[in-house]
Protein backbone atom coordinates (compact mmCIF):
# COMPACT_ATOMS: atom_id res chain seq x y z
CA MET A 1 93.55 90.94 91.04
CA VAL A 2 91.09 87.43 92.42
CA GLN A 3 90.24 86.78 95.84
CA ASP A 4 90.29 83.14 97.06
CA ILE A 5 87.91 82.44 99.76
CA ASN A 6 88.88 79.26 100.85
CA ARG A 7 92.26 80.32 101.62
CA GLN A 8 92.03 83.64 102.51
CA ARG A 9 94.36 85.07 100.16
CA ILE A 10 94.25 87.60 97.24
CA TYR A 11 96.12 87.14 94.07
CA ILE A 12 97.49 90.39 92.25
CA ALA A 13 99.21 90.15 88.57
CA ASN A 14 102.68 92.57 88.86
CA SER A 15 103.34 92.68 85.31
CA GLY A 16 106.41 95.09 86.32
CA LEU A 17 107.82 92.04 87.86
CA ASN A 18 106.60 88.99 85.62
CA ARG A 19 105.08 87.48 88.92
CA ILE A 20 101.96 86.82 91.03
CA GLU A 21 101.73 88.27 94.38
CA VAL A 22 100.22 86.49 97.16
CA PHE A 23 98.49 88.34 100.06
CA ASP A 24 97.46 86.29 103.11
CA MET A 25 94.40 88.24 104.26
CA ARG A 26 94.77 85.82 107.79
CA ALA A 27 98.23 87.27 108.68
CA GLN A 28 97.40 90.60 106.36
CA ARG A 29 101.22 89.62 105.00
CA LEU A 30 102.48 89.32 101.48
CA LEU A 31 103.33 85.80 100.89
CA ASP A 32 106.48 84.90 98.74
CA PRO A 33 105.26 85.45 95.01
CA ILE A 34 104.79 83.12 92.13
CA LYS A 35 107.22 83.76 89.13
CA VAL A 36 105.46 83.43 85.70
CA GLY A 37 105.72 84.50 82.17
CA GLN A 38 106.12 87.86 80.68
CA LEU A 39 103.59 90.75 81.51
CA PRO A 40 100.57 88.97 83.54
CA ARG A 41 97.94 90.80 83.04
CA SER A 42 94.79 88.95 83.97
CA LEU A 43 93.93 85.89 86.44
CA ALA A 44 90.92 83.23 87.09
CA LEU A 45 90.60 81.04 89.70
CA ALA A 46 89.04 77.46 88.74
CA PRO A 47 85.51 76.95 89.91
CA ASP A 48 87.25 74.16 91.82
CA GLY A 49 89.54 76.44 93.66
CA LEU A 50 92.37 74.65 92.93
CA THR A 51 94.05 76.25 90.26
CA LEU A 52 94.91 79.81 88.98
CA TYR A 53 95.07 80.83 85.19
CA VAL A 54 97.81 83.86 84.33
CA ALA A 55 97.30 85.26 81.20
CA ASN A 56 100.93 86.42 80.17
CA SER A 57 99.74 89.03 77.81
CA GLY A 58 104.08 89.73 76.62
CA GLY A 59 103.86 86.27 74.98
CA GLU A 60 101.47 83.60 73.58
CA THR A 61 101.43 81.83 77.58
CA ILE A 62 98.91 81.40 79.73
CA SER A 63 100.36 80.01 83.40
CA ILE A 64 98.50 77.08 85.30
CA ILE A 65 99.33 77.68 89.44
CA ASP A 66 98.32 75.00 91.60
CA LEU A 67 97.58 76.68 94.83
CA ASP A 68 98.17 74.29 97.24
CA ALA A 69 102.04 74.21 96.26
CA LEU A 70 101.66 78.13 95.11
CA ALA A 71 104.17 77.13 92.22
CA VAL A 72 103.54 76.91 88.24
CA THR A 73 102.54 73.17 87.38
CA GLY A 74 102.27 73.94 83.15
CA THR A 75 101.35 76.32 80.83
CA VAL A 76 98.14 76.31 78.30
CA ARG A 77 99.24 75.43 74.79
CA PHE A 78 98.24 77.40 71.73
CA PRO A 79 97.99 76.02 68.16
CA ALA A 80 100.47 76.57 65.53
CA LEU A 81 99.53 80.44 63.71
CA PRO A 82 101.23 81.26 60.67
CA PHE A 83 103.01 84.12 61.27
CA ASN A 84 102.87 87.68 59.50
CA THR A 85 105.64 90.42 60.03
CA ASN A 86 103.00 92.82 59.23
CA VAL A 87 100.23 91.93 61.97
CA ALA A 88 100.98 92.16 65.76
CA LEU A 89 101.05 89.15 67.46
CA VAL A 90 98.10 87.85 68.95
CA THR A 91 98.52 87.24 73.04
CA PRO A 92 96.30 87.04 75.55
CA ARG A 93 94.88 89.68 77.20
CA LEU A 94 91.81 88.55 79.68
CA ILE A 95 91.21 85.67 81.38
CA THR A 96 87.98 84.74 83.29
CA SER A 97 86.63 81.12 84.47
CA THR A 98 83.50 79.27 83.83
CA GLN A 99 82.31 75.94 84.50
CA ARG A 100 83.18 75.69 80.73
CA GLY A 101 86.39 76.45 81.64
CA PRO A 102 88.51 79.86 81.33
CA LEU A 103 87.00 82.16 78.66
CA VAL A 104 89.91 83.66 77.13
CA MET A 105 90.06 87.82 75.56
CA MET A 106 92.92 87.59 72.68
CA SER A 107 94.87 91.22 72.13
CA ASN A 108 92.91 90.97 68.85
CA GLY A 109 89.34 91.15 70.20
CA THR A 110 88.84 87.68 69.55
CA LEU A 111 87.27 85.32 72.27
CA TRP A 112 89.07 81.83 73.22
CA ARG A 113 88.78 79.05 75.35
CA ILE A 114 90.73 76.71 77.07
CA VAL A 115 89.73 73.07 77.01
CA GLY A 116 92.21 71.20 79.27
CA GLN A 117 95.71 72.50 78.40
CA ASP A 118 94.78 73.76 75.01
CA ALA A 119 93.88 77.41 73.90
CA LEU A 120 91.18 77.16 71.00
CA PRO A 121 89.47 79.80 69.13
CA GLN A 122 85.85 79.77 69.65
CA ARG A 123 82.98 80.93 67.75
CA PHE A 124 79.86 82.02 69.04
CA ASN A 125 76.01 83.16 68.63
CA THR A 126 76.18 85.45 65.66
CA ALA A 127 72.91 86.83 66.89
CA VAL A 128 74.86 88.30 69.76
CA LEU A 129 78.40 88.79 68.46
CA PRO A 130 78.25 89.74 64.86
CA PRO A 131 81.08 88.65 62.65
CA ASN A 132 83.23 91.63 60.70
CA ASN A 133 83.58 91.24 56.77
CA GLN A 134 86.23 88.54 57.57
CA GLY A 135 83.76 86.59 59.45
CA VAL A 136 85.85 86.66 62.79
CA GLN A 137 83.91 87.63 65.99
CA VAL A 138 85.60 90.28 67.10
CA LEU A 139 84.90 93.18 70.07
CA THR A 140 85.83 96.47 70.30
CA SER A 141 89.01 97.18 72.37
CA PRO A 142 89.68 98.09 75.37
CA TRP A 143 87.74 95.33 76.90
CA THR A 144 87.31 94.16 80.94
CA MET A 145 85.59 90.96 81.74
CA ALA A 146 84.55 89.04 84.94
CA SER A 147 82.52 86.00 85.98
CA SER A 148 79.98 84.57 88.90
CA PRO A 149 82.13 83.25 91.86
CA ASN A 150 81.22 79.59 90.98
CA GLY A 151 81.41 80.23 87.08
CA GLU A 152 77.83 80.10 86.29
CA THR A 153 78.09 82.92 83.85
CA ALA A 154 80.29 85.59 82.60
CA ILE A 155 80.15 89.46 81.28
CA VAL A 156 82.42 91.16 78.75
CA LEU A 157 82.38 94.54 78.32
CA ALA A 158 83.49 96.39 75.21
CA GLY A 159 85.07 99.46 74.59
CA ASN A 160 82.29 100.75 72.27
CA GLY A 161 80.12 100.53 75.60
CA PHE A 162 78.06 96.95 74.84
CA ALA A 163 78.14 94.53 77.10
CA TYR A 164 77.89 90.74 76.59
CA LEU A 165 76.59 88.01 78.61
CA TYR A 166 77.86 84.35 78.34
CA ASP A 167 75.96 81.60 79.98
CA ALA A 168 77.90 78.37 81.12
CA LEU A 169 74.95 76.05 80.88
CA LEU A 170 74.53 76.88 76.68
CA ASP A 171 78.03 77.24 76.85
CA ASP A 172 77.34 80.58 74.22
CA PHE A 173 76.32 84.52 74.52
CA VAL A 174 73.28 84.59 74.63
CA GLN A 175 72.65 88.62 75.47
CA SER A 176 73.87 91.81 74.39
CA ARG A 177 73.24 95.61 74.96
CA GLN A 178 75.08 98.72 74.91
CA VAL A 179 74.99 99.88 78.58
CA VAL A 180 77.39 103.22 78.26
CA THR A 181 76.75 105.35 75.36
CA ALA A 182 78.92 107.92 73.73
CA PRO A 183 81.00 109.79 74.56
CA ILE A 184 82.56 107.86 77.20
CA THR A 185 84.58 109.95 79.57
CA GLY A 186 85.72 109.31 82.86
CA TYR A 187 86.25 105.72 84.51
CA TYR A 188 85.84 102.73 81.99
CA GLY A 189 86.04 99.18 82.74
CA PRO A 190 85.14 98.63 86.46
CA ILE A 191 83.06 95.34 86.62
CA ALA A 192 82.03 92.62 88.88
CA VAL A 193 79.34 89.60 88.47
CA GLY A 194 77.01 88.66 91.60
CA PRO A 195 76.53 84.98 93.15
CA ARG A 196 74.87 82.97 89.92
CA GLY A 197 74.87 85.94 88.37
CA GLN A 198 71.77 87.71 90.05
CA TYR A 199 73.08 91.00 89.21
CA PHE A 200 75.92 92.54 87.29
CA LEU A 201 77.98 95.68 87.84
CA VAL A 202 79.39 97.14 84.67
CA ASN A 203 81.60 100.58 84.67
CA GLY A 204 79.07 102.33 87.36
CA LEU A 205 75.50 100.39 86.47
CA LEU A 206 73.67 97.22 88.33
CA LEU A 207 71.97 95.63 85.93
CA ASN A 208 69.83 92.88 86.37
CA GLN A 209 69.83 88.96 84.42
CA ALA A 210 68.70 90.78 81.22
CA LEU A 211 71.53 93.48 81.43
CA THR A 212 68.72 96.16 82.12
CA PRO A 213 69.95 98.69 84.10
CA VAL A 214 68.32 98.56 87.81
CA GLY A 215 70.11 100.82 89.74
CA ASN A 216 73.57 103.26 89.80
CA ALA A 217 76.67 101.63 90.90
CA GLY A 218 77.67 105.44 91.06
CA THR A 219 78.08 107.91 87.78
CA VAL A 220 78.18 106.73 84.20
CA PRO A 221 79.89 109.54 82.38
CA GLY A 222 78.30 109.72 78.95
CA THR A 223 74.80 107.69 79.92
CA PRO A 224 71.58 109.93 80.96
CA PRO A 225 69.81 109.18 83.76
CA ARG A 226 66.98 106.65 83.62
CA PRO A 227 63.71 107.11 85.33
CA GLY A 228 63.38 105.36 88.63
CA LEU A 229 66.67 104.77 89.04
CA PRO A 230 67.93 105.13 92.68
CA THR A 231 70.10 108.42 92.42
CA THR A 232 72.29 107.97 95.51
CA ASN A 233 75.88 109.72 94.98
CA VAL A 234 75.68 109.83 91.16
CA ASN A 235 77.91 112.50 90.76
CA ARG A 236 80.87 110.58 91.56
CA PRO A 237 82.66 108.38 89.25
CA VAL A 238 83.46 105.05 90.50
CA ALA A 239 87.09 103.32 90.10
CA ALA A 240 86.26 99.98 91.21
CA VAL A 241 83.48 97.37 92.60
CA ALA A 242 83.19 94.06 93.97
CA THR A 243 80.45 91.92 94.98
CA ILE A 244 79.65 91.15 98.94
CA GLY A 245 77.12 88.06 98.51
CA ALA A 246 73.76 88.34 96.99
CA THR A 247 72.47 91.36 98.61
CA GLN A 248 75.27 93.91 99.16
CA PHE A 249 78.42 95.27 96.70
CA ALA A 250 80.93 97.93 97.40
CA ARG A 251 81.82 100.62 95.15
CA PHE A 252 85.05 103.05 95.02
CA ALA A 253 83.52 106.60 94.33
CA GLN A 254 85.64 109.10 93.33
CA PRO A 255 85.31 113.05 93.20
CA VAL A 256 85.10 114.68 89.87
CA VAL A 257 88.21 116.48 89.07
CA THR A 258 87.94 119.29 86.56
CA ASN A 259 91.35 119.66 85.31
CA ALA A 260 94.68 118.59 86.33
CA ALA A 261 96.20 121.73 88.22
CA ALA A 262 93.21 121.13 90.80
CA ILE A 263 94.30 120.17 94.37
CA VAL A 264 92.32 117.35 95.04
CA THR A 265 92.15 116.69 98.91
CA ASP A 266 89.19 114.11 98.74
CA ASN A 267 90.40 110.26 98.53
CA GLY A 268 86.86 109.12 97.77
CA ALA A 269 84.60 106.71 99.91
CA ILE A 270 84.23 103.30 99.76
CA GLU A 271 80.66 102.41 100.10
CA ILE A 272 78.35 99.44 101.21
CA VAL A 273 75.39 99.60 99.07
CA ASP A 274 72.02 97.59 99.11
CA VAL A 275 71.50 95.73 95.95
CA ASN A 276 67.80 96.11 95.90
CA THR A 277 67.57 99.16 97.37
CA GLY A 278 70.21 101.38 96.08
CA ASN A 279 70.79 102.64 99.97
CA VAL A 280 74.18 103.16 101.28
CA LEU A 281 74.99 100.99 104.30
CA ARG A 282 78.31 101.79 105.28
CA THR A 283 81.39 104.24 104.24
CA ALA A 284 84.76 103.96 104.83
CA THR A 285 87.48 106.15 104.01
CA PRO A 286 90.28 104.58 101.90
CA LEU A 287 94.07 105.94 102.36
CA GLU A 288 94.70 106.49 98.76
CA ARG A 289 93.04 107.19 95.61
CA PRO A 290 93.01 104.57 92.71
CA LEU A 291 95.71 104.13 90.36
CA SER A 292 94.22 106.48 87.72
CA ARG A 293 92.85 109.66 88.05
CA PRO A 294 90.78 110.95 85.07
CA THR A 295 90.34 114.82 84.77
CA GLY A 296 87.49 117.09 83.05
CA ASN A 297 85.90 114.67 80.36
CA GLN A 298 88.97 112.75 79.93
CA ARG A 299 88.26 108.71 79.52
CA ALA A 300 90.38 106.63 82.01
CA ASN A 301 90.25 103.16 80.68
CA ILE A 302 90.89 101.06 83.54
CA ASP A 303 91.39 97.21 84.70
CA GLY A 304 88.29 95.59 85.94
CA ARG A 305 89.04 94.15 88.74
CA THR A 306 91.01 96.04 91.31
CA MET A 307 89.12 95.83 94.07
CA VAL A 308 87.95 92.96 96.79
CA VAL A 309 85.90 92.66 99.72
CA ASP A 310 86.62 89.66 102.29
CA ALA A 311 84.03 87.17 103.14
CA SER A 312 82.76 88.67 106.30
CA GLY A 313 82.82 92.35 105.00
CA THR A 314 85.47 93.48 107.26
CA ASN A 315 88.12 94.77 105.09
CA ALA A 316 87.99 95.95 101.57
CA TYR A 317 91.51 95.50 99.42
CA ALA A 318 91.86 98.03 96.80
CA LEU A 319 94.51 98.76 94.31
CA THR A 320 95.62 102.28 94.55
CA THR A 321 98.74 104.65 93.85
CA SER A 322 101.61 103.03 95.80
CA GLY A 323 100.09 99.65 95.98
CA LEU A 324 97.64 97.17 97.81
CA SER A 325 95.43 99.25 100.43
CA ILE A 326 93.40 97.85 103.16
CA VAL A 327 90.31 99.89 103.99
CA SER A 328 88.35 98.69 107.14
CA LEU A 329 84.98 99.21 106.56
CA ALA A 330 84.27 99.64 110.30
CA PRO A 331 86.15 103.39 110.46
CA ALA A 332 88.35 103.89 113.62
CA GLN A 333 87.39 106.05 116.01
CA GLN A 334 88.28 110.01 115.49
CA VAL A 335 90.46 109.93 118.60
CA GLN A 336 92.23 106.85 117.29
CA ARG A 337 93.23 108.89 113.66
CA PRO A 338 96.18 109.91 113.36
CA ALA A 339 96.61 113.83 113.25
CA VAL A 340 99.14 116.79 112.44
CA ASN A 341 99.20 119.40 114.83
CA PRO A 342 98.90 123.17 113.31
CA GLY A 343 102.09 124.33 111.83
CA GLY A 344 103.33 120.82 112.84
CA VAL A 345 105.54 120.49 109.49
CA VAL A 346 108.63 121.95 109.84
CA SER A 347 112.53 121.89 108.75
CA ILE A 348 114.54 119.55 111.14
CA ALA A 349 117.08 122.30 111.59
CA SER A 350 114.74 125.32 111.80
CA TYR A 351 111.62 124.04 112.93
CA THR A 352 110.02 126.56 110.66
CA PRO A 353 107.73 125.40 108.11
CA ALA A 354 110.49 125.69 104.81
CA LEU A 355 111.03 122.73 103.03
CA ALA A 356 113.08 121.64 99.80
CA PRO A 357 113.70 118.68 97.97
CA GLY A 358 116.08 116.35 99.65
CA GLY A 359 115.63 117.94 102.63
CA LEU A 360 114.87 116.65 106.14
CA PHE A 361 111.56 117.38 108.57
CA SER A 362 109.68 116.66 111.09
CA ILE A 363 105.81 116.11 111.27
CA PHE A 364 104.30 116.47 114.90
CA GLY A 365 100.95 115.25 115.72
CA ARG A 366 99.56 112.25 117.53
CA ASN A 367 98.50 108.94 116.98
CA PHE A 368 101.57 108.53 114.65
CA GLY A 369 102.08 104.91 115.72
CA ASP A 370 104.69 102.79 117.43
CA THR A 371 108.72 104.13 118.22
CA ALA A 372 111.07 103.18 115.63
CA SER A 373 114.28 104.38 113.71
CA TYR A 374 115.37 103.04 110.47
CA THR A 375 118.25 100.15 110.60
CA SER A 376 119.40 100.31 107.09
CA THR A 377 119.31 101.83 103.50
CA PRO A 378 117.26 102.44 101.62
CA LEU A 379 115.36 104.25 104.05
CA PRO A 380 111.88 102.26 104.77
CA THR A 381 108.72 103.92 103.65
CA VAL A 382 106.58 102.31 106.54
CA LEU A 383 108.26 102.70 110.29
CA GLY A 384 106.40 101.58 113.31
CA GLY A 385 102.92 101.30 111.52
CA ALA A 386 103.55 104.84 110.15
CA CYS A 387 103.31 105.50 106.45
CA VAL A 388 103.35 108.76 104.90
CA THR A 389 102.77 110.09 101.52
CA LEU A 390 103.12 113.34 99.90
CA ASN A 391 101.60 114.03 96.46
CA ASN A 392 100.15 110.21 96.81
CA SER A 393 103.32 108.73 96.84
CA PRO A 394 105.04 106.95 100.25
CA ILE A 395 107.99 108.97 101.24
CA PRO A 396 111.02 107.40 103.30
CA LEU A 397 110.99 107.75 106.89
CA LEU A 398 113.70 108.23 109.51
CA LEU A 399 112.00 107.99 112.89
CA ASN A 400 108.79 107.56 114.12
CA SER A 401 106.96 107.88 117.68
CA GLU A 402 103.35 108.53 118.60
CA GLY A 403 103.87 112.43 118.14
CA GLN A 404 106.98 112.93 115.98
CA ILE A 405 107.95 111.50 112.03
CA ASN A 406 111.46 112.53 110.93
CA ALA A 407 111.23 112.32 107.03
CA GLN A 408 112.96 113.30 103.68
CA ILE A 409 111.54 115.35 100.97
CA PRO A 410 112.16 113.60 97.60
CA THR A 411 114.81 114.45 95.60
CA THR A 412 112.66 114.70 92.54
CA LEU A 413 109.69 116.69 94.05
CA ALA A 414 109.68 119.83 92.02
CA ALA A 415 108.41 123.38 93.94
CA GLY A 416 104.80 123.49 94.56
CA THR A 417 101.96 122.78 97.01
CA TYR A 418 101.31 119.01 97.68
CA GLN A 419 99.21 117.04 100.15
CA MET A 420 100.57 114.88 102.93
CA VAL A 421 98.53 112.05 105.02
CA ILE A 422 99.69 110.25 107.64
CA ARG A 423 98.77 106.71 108.01
CA ASN A 424 98.70 104.35 110.80
CA LEU A 425 98.98 101.13 109.36
CA ASN A 426 98.20 99.14 112.45
CA ARG A 427 94.90 101.08 113.32
CA LEU A 428 94.04 101.14 109.22
CA SER A 429 93.39 104.86 109.91
CA ALA A 430 94.59 108.02 108.43
CA SER A 431 95.31 111.80 108.92
CA THR A 432 93.29 114.36 107.37
CA THR A 433 94.92 116.08 104.04
CA THR A 434 97.76 118.91 104.95
CA SER A 435 99.09 121.08 102.72
CA VAL A 436 102.86 121.33 102.47
CA ARG A 437 104.28 123.84 100.65
CA VAL A 438 108.20 122.79 98.79
CA ALA A 439 110.47 125.41 97.78
CA LYS A 440 113.60 125.23 95.46
CA TYR A 441 115.56 125.89 98.50
CA ALA A 442 115.09 125.86 102.10
CA PRO A 443 118.32 126.53 103.83
CA ALA A 444 118.24 125.91 107.67
CA VAL A 445 121.27 125.29 109.96
CA PHE A 446 121.35 122.86 112.65
CA VAL A 447 121.51 123.84 115.72
CA ASP A 448 121.60 122.46 119.34
CA THR A 449 118.94 124.06 121.06
CA ILE A 450 119.79 122.38 124.74
CA ARG A 451 123.58 124.10 124.81
CA ASN A 452 122.15 126.81 122.02
CA MET A 453 125.23 126.11 119.78
CA PRO A 454 124.43 125.64 116.30
CA ALA A 455 126.42 122.88 114.28
CA ILE A 456 129.33 124.85 113.44
CA LEU A 457 132.79 122.79 113.99
CA HIS A 458 136.41 123.72 114.26
CA PRO A 459 138.50 121.33 112.20
CA ASP A 460 139.09 119.03 115.51
CA GLY A 461 135.37 118.40 115.44
CA THR A 462 134.59 120.94 118.59
CA PRO A 463 131.91 122.89 118.47
CA VAL A 464 132.54 126.94 117.94
CA SER A 465 131.21 128.46 120.99
CA ARG A 466 131.55 131.31 123.20
CA ASP A 467 134.79 129.77 124.96
CA ARG A 468 136.39 128.68 121.60
CA PRO A 469 135.10 131.00 119.01
CA ALA A 470 135.64 131.47 115.23
CA GLN A 471 139.20 132.93 114.56
CA ARG A 472 140.53 134.55 111.43
CA ASP A 473 142.20 132.65 108.63
CA ARG A 474 140.77 129.47 110.66
CA ARG A 475 138.86 126.78 108.77
CA LEU A 476 135.16 125.66 110.10
CA THR A 477 132.64 123.05 109.00
CA LEU A 478 128.86 124.13 109.27
CA TYR A 479 126.08 121.61 108.72
CA ALA A 480 122.72 122.00 107.23
CA THR A 481 119.74 120.91 105.24
CA GLY A 482 117.52 122.29 102.99
CA LEU A 483 120.14 123.41 100.29
CA GLY A 484 118.14 121.80 97.49
CA VAL A 485 119.11 119.58 94.05
CA THR A 486 122.71 118.76 93.58
CA THR A 487 125.30 117.97 90.63
CA GLY A 488 127.82 115.73 90.41
CA GLY A 489 127.66 112.66 91.95
CA ARG A 490 124.04 110.61 91.69
CA VAL A 491 121.60 111.26 94.72
CA THR A 492 118.70 109.20 95.02
CA THR A 493 115.79 109.62 97.68
CA GLY A 494 116.15 107.66 100.99
CA ASN A 495 120.01 106.51 100.05
CA PRO A 496 123.03 108.02 101.24
CA ALA A 497 125.18 110.48 99.16
CA PRO A 498 127.40 109.41 97.04
CA ALA A 499 131.60 109.45 98.01
CA GLU A 500 132.71 109.96 94.08
CA PRO A 501 131.81 112.31 92.89
CA LEU A 502 130.57 114.25 95.81
CA ALA A 503 127.13 115.71 95.39
CA GLU A 504 127.52 119.38 95.13
CA THR A 505 125.00 122.34 95.81
CA ASP A 506 124.55 125.53 93.81
CA ASP A 507 126.71 128.72 95.05
CA VAL A 508 126.17 129.57 98.41
CA LYS A 509 127.05 132.52 100.87
CA VAL A 510 127.28 132.79 104.45
CA TYR A 511 127.27 135.45 106.97
CA PHE A 512 128.55 135.72 110.67
CA GLY A 513 126.49 138.74 111.37
CA ASP A 514 124.36 141.32 109.48
CA PRO A 515 124.68 140.23 105.74
CA THR A 516 124.12 144.16 105.26
CA ILE A 517 127.27 144.71 106.96
CA ARG A 518 130.85 144.53 105.30
CA GLY A 519 132.84 141.89 106.69
CA THR A 520 130.54 139.55 107.93
CA GLU A 521 130.71 137.11 104.71
CA MET A 522 132.36 134.48 104.98
CA ILE A 523 134.51 132.30 102.63
CA VAL A 524 132.70 129.46 101.37
CA GLU A 525 135.26 126.68 100.08
CA TRP A 526 132.68 124.21 99.54
CA SER A 527 129.23 122.95 99.61
CA GLY A 528 127.53 119.82 98.94
CA LEU A 529 126.37 116.44 100.39
CA VAL A 530 127.66 114.90 103.27
CA PRO A 531 128.95 111.47 101.71
CA GLY A 532 127.29 107.91 103.69
CA TYR A 533 124.61 110.33 105.03
CA ILE A 534 120.60 111.05 103.85
CA GLY A 535 119.77 115.01 103.73
CA LEU A 536 123.05 116.28 105.46
CA TYR A 537 124.26 119.38 104.04
CA GLN A 538 128.05 120.70 104.78
CA ILE A 539 129.67 124.03 103.98
CA ASN A 540 133.20 124.38 104.25
CA LEU A 541 134.26 127.58 105.36
CA MET A 542 137.32 129.85 105.91
CA VAL A 543 136.82 133.22 108.12
CA PRO A 544 138.18 136.12 106.46
CA GLY A 545 141.16 138.40 108.08
CA ALA A 546 138.52 141.42 107.69
CA ARG A 547 135.95 139.65 109.82
CA TRP A 548 133.03 141.03 111.80
CA LYS A 549 133.75 140.00 115.23
CA GLY A 550 131.42 140.19 118.31
CA VAL A 551 129.35 137.61 120.72
CA ASP A 552 126.18 135.94 119.53
CA LEU A 553 126.30 137.20 115.61
CA PRO A 554 123.19 135.49 114.00
CA VAL A 555 124.43 132.86 111.20
CA THR A 556 122.91 133.05 107.79
CA VAL A 557 123.24 130.62 104.44
CA ARG A 558 121.74 132.01 101.46
CA ILE A 559 121.30 129.79 98.67
CA GLY A 560 119.76 131.06 95.01
CA GLY A 561 118.41 134.27 96.87
CA VAL A 562 116.79 132.17 99.63
CA SER A 563 118.27 132.84 103.21
CA SER A 564 118.02 130.36 106.23
CA PRO A 565 115.53 131.75 109.19
CA THR A 566 117.07 134.34 111.94
CA THR A 567 113.93 134.07 113.75
CA GLY A 568 112.27 131.30 115.36
CA PRO A 569 112.72 128.28 117.74
CA ALA A 570 115.98 127.32 116.57
CA VAL A 571 118.36 130.22 115.21
CA PRO A 572 121.83 129.91 114.98
CA TYR A 573 124.25 132.13 116.92
CA VAL A 574 128.46 132.22 116.29
CA THR A 575 131.20 134.02 118.63
CA VAL A 576 133.80 135.78 116.53
CA GLU A 577 137.22 137.05 117.78
């Protein structure tokens, strides 16, 4: 991503959709995207602020965008190269702007320049960039690169820990230094340049104009501590960095994760740091973690420019697990933050903490946002200013209010314990994490708690009640949730169930009365999702002739050896004649 300070915009390369996303920081919304070439990967804003260059890594193209028109006005021409089927196509991977024109890192590790509308291979100072045995200056992959806001200088970080400094005045590389030593572990690649190259942020280190470490931007795994350097938060790897003028910078510091199975409830912190002293001036809690999460001694090669801070220092904008996160650098008051009640995550039918994939559930608490309900499908992931993430992914919402959210458990979520966070996007605040357990099955019968009647209906649609009890050899329909993943028709999270073919559950048993007593089991003719509805299961029943009779018999639904609750705030009872 790059920031356009004059227009108060952020431009983000979206490789998956072959376009550039445009975010308006004033209006806090996305504008119409700009279609570019195949697999756009890197962006460069020209020093004059009029042109954006886009390196399309899926082909030999660089798009030129007029930022006033927000449209592609041309492409950079590449010279004709001999085609060799044994050699991969050389394409632009990274691009950054200088006062001598954009500097381009190609996929083979060579550096090119853009002159006018032509891309040309460039040979630089061999004392800084030694050529290989074939006489070609090639840098070790993977690479990240950045330049100062006005293009006076640029820096390239190679995959072997070496940093290379480019001076636009001389139009050449003037310095190189190994700033990270092997073995390289953790995040690798965050990079930024201060105004006029007064300082450099390279993979967690604060470097001066000679590329000498003078402070820590965070932890640099594999790099030994240097005497005299500030050691604030040195045990937290840095996933992103951004400059804030000549005297401050921002870092996205992360907790250390020991292994892939570890449950991490800490999303890290965005810290504002004084360049001269290394002191942390402000700390803000982000809504989500970064795009990747290295564990143990793993190495995570990441894009160098995934965070910016607006000119006023009010908000940070970072690429995180579900998209673009906006983090207020003036944290919300605790009373305004969303909060989940103890035991407040429950099945929408039974009000007990039993949840299953595809099922519906409710969250009770406070400060969730504005009252709103879904109006179309697929279900939205933001509703009334609220967003709920489970396992760091947003989930579909049916209803939001100040104190209650109704949502669906993703159909693809496996059984396990996951971390849930409620975000109030209107207040740029988030709740603390809540552990949510998801089981393979969590059957629960819907109950009208006002009339104390379960969702069990006669063929004419009227509910089974004391006045109209269930009778022998008669069919009934029961509605429930939490019956787990289905087979047959394809079901996708947040979308209505299909009508053809139907989505069917595993084998289900239904009891009217104590399941241990003979004569309480009903005949189940069919069980599956109701076509056109989301997360709503239907069980078609037949009352057998040899049945247990009585008033207010407990109703039990059993699937996969798991039974629906027979105690709690919403227990279903039925009368059988």
